[in-house]
Protein backbone atom coordinates (compact mmCIF):
# COMPACT_ATOMS: atom_id res chain seq x y z
CA MET A 1 67.75 102.14 98.41
CA SER A 2 65.78 104.81 100.17
CA GLU A 3 65.31 108.03 98.26
CA ASP A 4 67.00 110.00 101.06
CA ILE A 5 70.15 107.83 100.95
CA ARG A 6 70.27 108.00 97.15
CA ARG A 7 70.00 111.81 97.21
CA ALA A 8 72.63 112.13 99.96
CA LYS A 9 75.10 109.93 98.06
CA LYS A 10 74.49 111.85 94.85
CA LEU A 11 75.15 115.14 96.65
CA LEU A 12 78.36 113.84 98.27
CA ARG A 13 79.62 112.58 94.90
CA ARG A 14 78.89 115.99 93.36
CA VAL A 15 80.79 117.78 96.15
CA LEU A 16 83.77 115.43 95.72
CA ARG A 17 83.75 115.86 91.92
CA ASP A 18 83.55 119.66 92.25
CA ARG A 19 86.43 119.66 94.71
CA ARG A 20 88.45 117.45 92.34
CA ARG A 21 87.87 119.85 89.43
CA THR A 22 89.61 122.64 91.34
CA SER A 23 92.78 120.62 91.88
CA ASP A 24 95.65 119.90 89.51
CA PRO A 25 94.42 117.01 87.26
CA SER A 26 97.95 115.71 86.73
CA PHE A 27 98.64 115.47 90.46
CA SER A 28 98.15 112.09 92.10
CA LEU A 29 99.57 111.05 95.45
CA PRO A 30 101.15 107.65 96.05
CA ILE A 31 99.71 105.15 98.49
CA LEU A 32 101.38 104.93 101.91
CA ASP A 33 104.64 102.97 101.64
CA ILE A 34 103.95 99.34 102.55
CA GLU A 35 106.91 99.42 104.95
CA LYS A 36 104.82 101.79 107.11
CA TRP A 37 101.82 99.43 107.21
CA PRO A 38 101.32 97.28 110.34
CA GLN A 39 103.62 94.25 110.13
CA LYS A 40 100.74 91.73 110.01
CA TRP A 41 99.35 93.49 106.92
CA GLN A 42 102.76 93.64 105.28
CA ASP A 43 102.98 89.88 105.86
CA LYS A 44 99.49 89.29 104.41
CA VAL A 45 100.40 91.18 101.23
CA LYS A 46 103.76 89.45 100.81
CA ALA A 47 102.18 86.02 101.37
CA ALA A 48 99.36 86.59 98.87
CA GLY A 49 99.28 84.53 95.70
CA CYS A 50 97.16 87.03 93.77
CA ILE A 51 96.46 90.71 94.43
CA ALA A 52 93.79 92.72 92.62
CA LEU A 53 94.92 96.28 91.92
CA TYR A 54 93.60 99.19 89.86
CA MET A 55 94.87 101.87 87.48
CA PRO A 56 94.29 105.27 89.10
CA ILE A 57 92.25 107.99 87.49
CA ASP A 58 91.70 111.57 88.61
CA GLU A 59 92.95 111.89 92.19
CA GLU A 60 92.96 108.18 93.03
CA LEU A 61 96.11 107.18 94.86
CA ARG A 62 98.88 105.65 92.75
CA LEU A 63 99.79 102.05 93.56
CA ASP A 64 103.19 101.94 91.83
CA PRO A 65 105.14 102.21 95.13
CA LEU A 66 103.31 99.10 96.36
CA MET A 67 103.63 97.24 93.05
CA GLU A 68 107.39 97.82 93.03
CA LYS A 69 107.73 96.17 96.45
CA LEU A 70 105.67 93.05 95.76
CA PRO A 71 107.80 89.89 95.69
CA GLN A 72 108.77 89.36 92.04
CA GLY A 73 107.34 86.19 90.54
CA SER A 74 105.54 84.96 93.65
CA VAL A 75 102.63 87.42 93.72
CA LYS A 76 100.35 87.64 90.68
CA MET A 77 98.81 91.02 89.94
CA CYS A 78 95.43 91.44 88.29
CA PHE A 79 93.48 94.49 87.18
CA PRO A 80 89.81 95.20 86.42
CA ARG A 81 88.27 95.32 82.97
CA VAL A 82 84.71 96.55 82.44
CA GLU A 83 82.59 94.02 80.55
CA GLY A 84 79.08 95.35 80.09
CA GLU A 85 77.63 95.99 83.55
CA GLU A 86 80.27 93.92 85.33
CA ILE A 87 84.02 93.94 85.95
CA SER A 88 86.36 91.01 85.58
CA PHE A 89 90.01 90.85 86.61
CA TYR A 90 92.85 89.91 84.27
CA GLU A 91 96.38 88.92 85.17
CA ALA A 92 99.05 91.44 84.13
CA GLU A 93 102.68 91.77 85.19
CA THR A 94 103.12 95.15 83.53
CA THR A 95 100.85 97.79 82.07
CA ASP A 96 102.43 97.36 78.62
CA SER A 97 99.50 95.23 77.50
CA PHE A 98 96.84 97.69 78.69
CA GLU A 99 94.47 99.53 76.40
CA LYS A 100 92.13 102.48 76.82
CA GLY A 101 88.94 100.99 78.16
CA SER A 102 85.61 102.10 79.54
CA PHE A 103 85.54 105.65 80.89
CA SER A 104 89.04 106.14 79.36
CA ILE A 105 90.58 104.05 82.16
CA PRO A 106 93.57 101.89 81.15
CA GLU A 107 92.44 98.24 81.27
CA PRO A 108 94.20 94.93 80.65
CA GLY A 109 93.70 93.58 77.15
CA GLU A 110 91.10 90.82 76.85
CA ASN A 111 93.81 88.54 75.43
CA LEU A 112 95.32 88.28 78.93
CA LYS A 113 94.39 85.52 81.39
CA LYS A 114 91.11 86.07 83.20
CA VAL A 115 91.37 85.47 86.96
CA ASP A 116 88.88 83.34 88.86
CA PRO A 117 87.62 85.60 91.71
CA ALA A 118 88.27 82.75 94.18
CA GLN A 119 92.02 83.05 93.41
CA ILE A 120 92.22 86.68 94.59
CA ASP A 121 93.72 86.89 98.09
CA ILE A 122 93.77 90.68 98.51
CA MET A 123 91.88 93.36 96.62
CA LEU A 124 92.77 97.05 96.73
CA VAL A 125 89.52 98.92 96.16
CA PRO A 126 89.52 102.58 95.12
CA GLY A 127 86.75 104.74 96.49
CA MET A 128 85.62 108.31 96.03
CA ALA A 129 85.31 108.31 99.82
CA TYR A 130 85.28 105.99 102.82
CA ASP A 131 83.85 106.46 106.27
CA SER A 132 85.67 105.75 109.52
CA CYS A 133 84.12 102.25 109.67
CA GLY A 134 85.34 101.23 106.20
CA THR A 135 82.14 101.78 104.21
CA ARG A 136 82.90 102.70 100.61
CA LEU A 137 81.33 105.37 98.44
CA GLY A 138 82.03 104.48 94.82
CA ARG A 139 81.41 106.45 91.65
CA GLY A 140 77.80 105.26 91.46
CA LYS A 141 77.93 102.51 88.82
CA GLY A 142 78.14 99.65 91.35
CA TYR A 143 80.88 97.62 89.61
CA TYR A 144 82.86 96.79 92.77
CA ASP A 145 79.73 96.35 94.90
CA ARG A 146 78.37 93.75 92.45
CA PHE A 147 81.69 91.98 91.92
CA CYS A 148 82.48 91.74 95.64
CA GLY A 149 78.87 91.02 96.58
CA LYS A 150 78.89 87.83 94.48
CA MET A 151 81.91 86.39 96.28
CA ASP A 152 81.51 83.56 98.78
CA LYS A 153 81.74 85.25 102.18
CA LYS A 154 83.98 82.46 103.54
CA LEU A 155 86.37 82.53 100.58
CA ARG A 156 86.41 86.22 99.75
CA PRO A 157 89.69 88.12 99.66
CA LEU A 158 90.76 90.74 102.15
CA PHE A 159 89.48 94.10 100.93
CA ILE A 160 91.74 97.12 101.40
CA GLY A 161 90.05 100.43 100.63
CA VAL A 162 92.16 103.17 99.10
CA THR A 163 91.40 106.88 99.12
CA ALA A 164 93.05 110.20 99.98
CA ASN A 165 92.98 111.49 103.56
CA LYS A 166 90.69 114.35 102.57
CA ASN A 167 88.09 111.79 101.40
CA VAL A 168 87.76 109.95 104.71
CA PHE A 169 84.63 111.03 106.60
CA SER A 170 83.34 110.14 110.05
CA ALA A 171 80.12 108.87 108.45
CA PHE A 172 77.86 109.19 105.42
CA PRO A 173 74.57 107.52 104.38
CA ALA A 174 75.04 103.96 103.16
CA ASP A 175 72.98 101.08 101.82
CA THR A 176 73.17 97.50 103.03
CA TRP A 177 74.95 96.41 99.83
CA ASP A 178 77.70 99.05 100.02
CA LEU A 179 81.08 97.41 100.31
CA LYS A 180 82.77 97.42 103.72
CA VAL A 181 86.51 96.92 103.63
CA ASP A 182 88.80 95.11 106.07
CA ALA A 183 91.35 97.92 106.10
CA LEU A 184 91.77 101.41 104.71
CA VAL A 185 94.95 103.02 103.41
CA THR A 186 95.54 106.63 102.41
CA GLU A 187 98.70 108.49 101.46
CA THR A 188 99.70 108.73 105.15
CA VAL A 189 97.61 106.31 107.25
CA PHE A 190 96.77 102.60 107.44
CA CYS A 191 93.73 101.55 109.50
CA SER A 192 92.60 97.96 110.07
CA PHE A 193 88.98 97.09 110.83
CA LEU A 194 89.64 93.38 111.46
CA LYS A 195 89.17 92.05 114.97
CA GLU A 196 92.30 89.96 115.48
């Protein structure tokens, strides 16, 4: 990572954190209703065998409207759990079996079934910000970049970035390892980057 890119990312994260501090901490917007997504993406989600989700913190968009519309019993849901410097995903049908984990984020209990990354068909990836090409700016720890970077490029899931409209920028400095998503969803917009 060049020093200039590292400094620029650090500054952007600080600006986003400062802006977040001035907003209502209990207020979190829901993700755009799946029925407003392009039909081909609705079909991809409904046909998935396993979807990786997340538990929102701060201003991250809530996924409960999406979770409520997933086909009951046919789509497995899994959520991240921090394990040292890595994340792993664990199957969970409800958040009843979650516990307070790293960074005070609710995480699935380690007694739940760990999911093989190759079984994940779609992954919703929270970001502090995204650019208009789908490049993600995370919180700086690199958990998602490492997890997704280890996946076989031919077998990897579809990545759907999730962030609020106000955190989508035309561009920002990025490194070669920064995750690029296949689509981006906010509280009001769905944008696909796939060439189909």
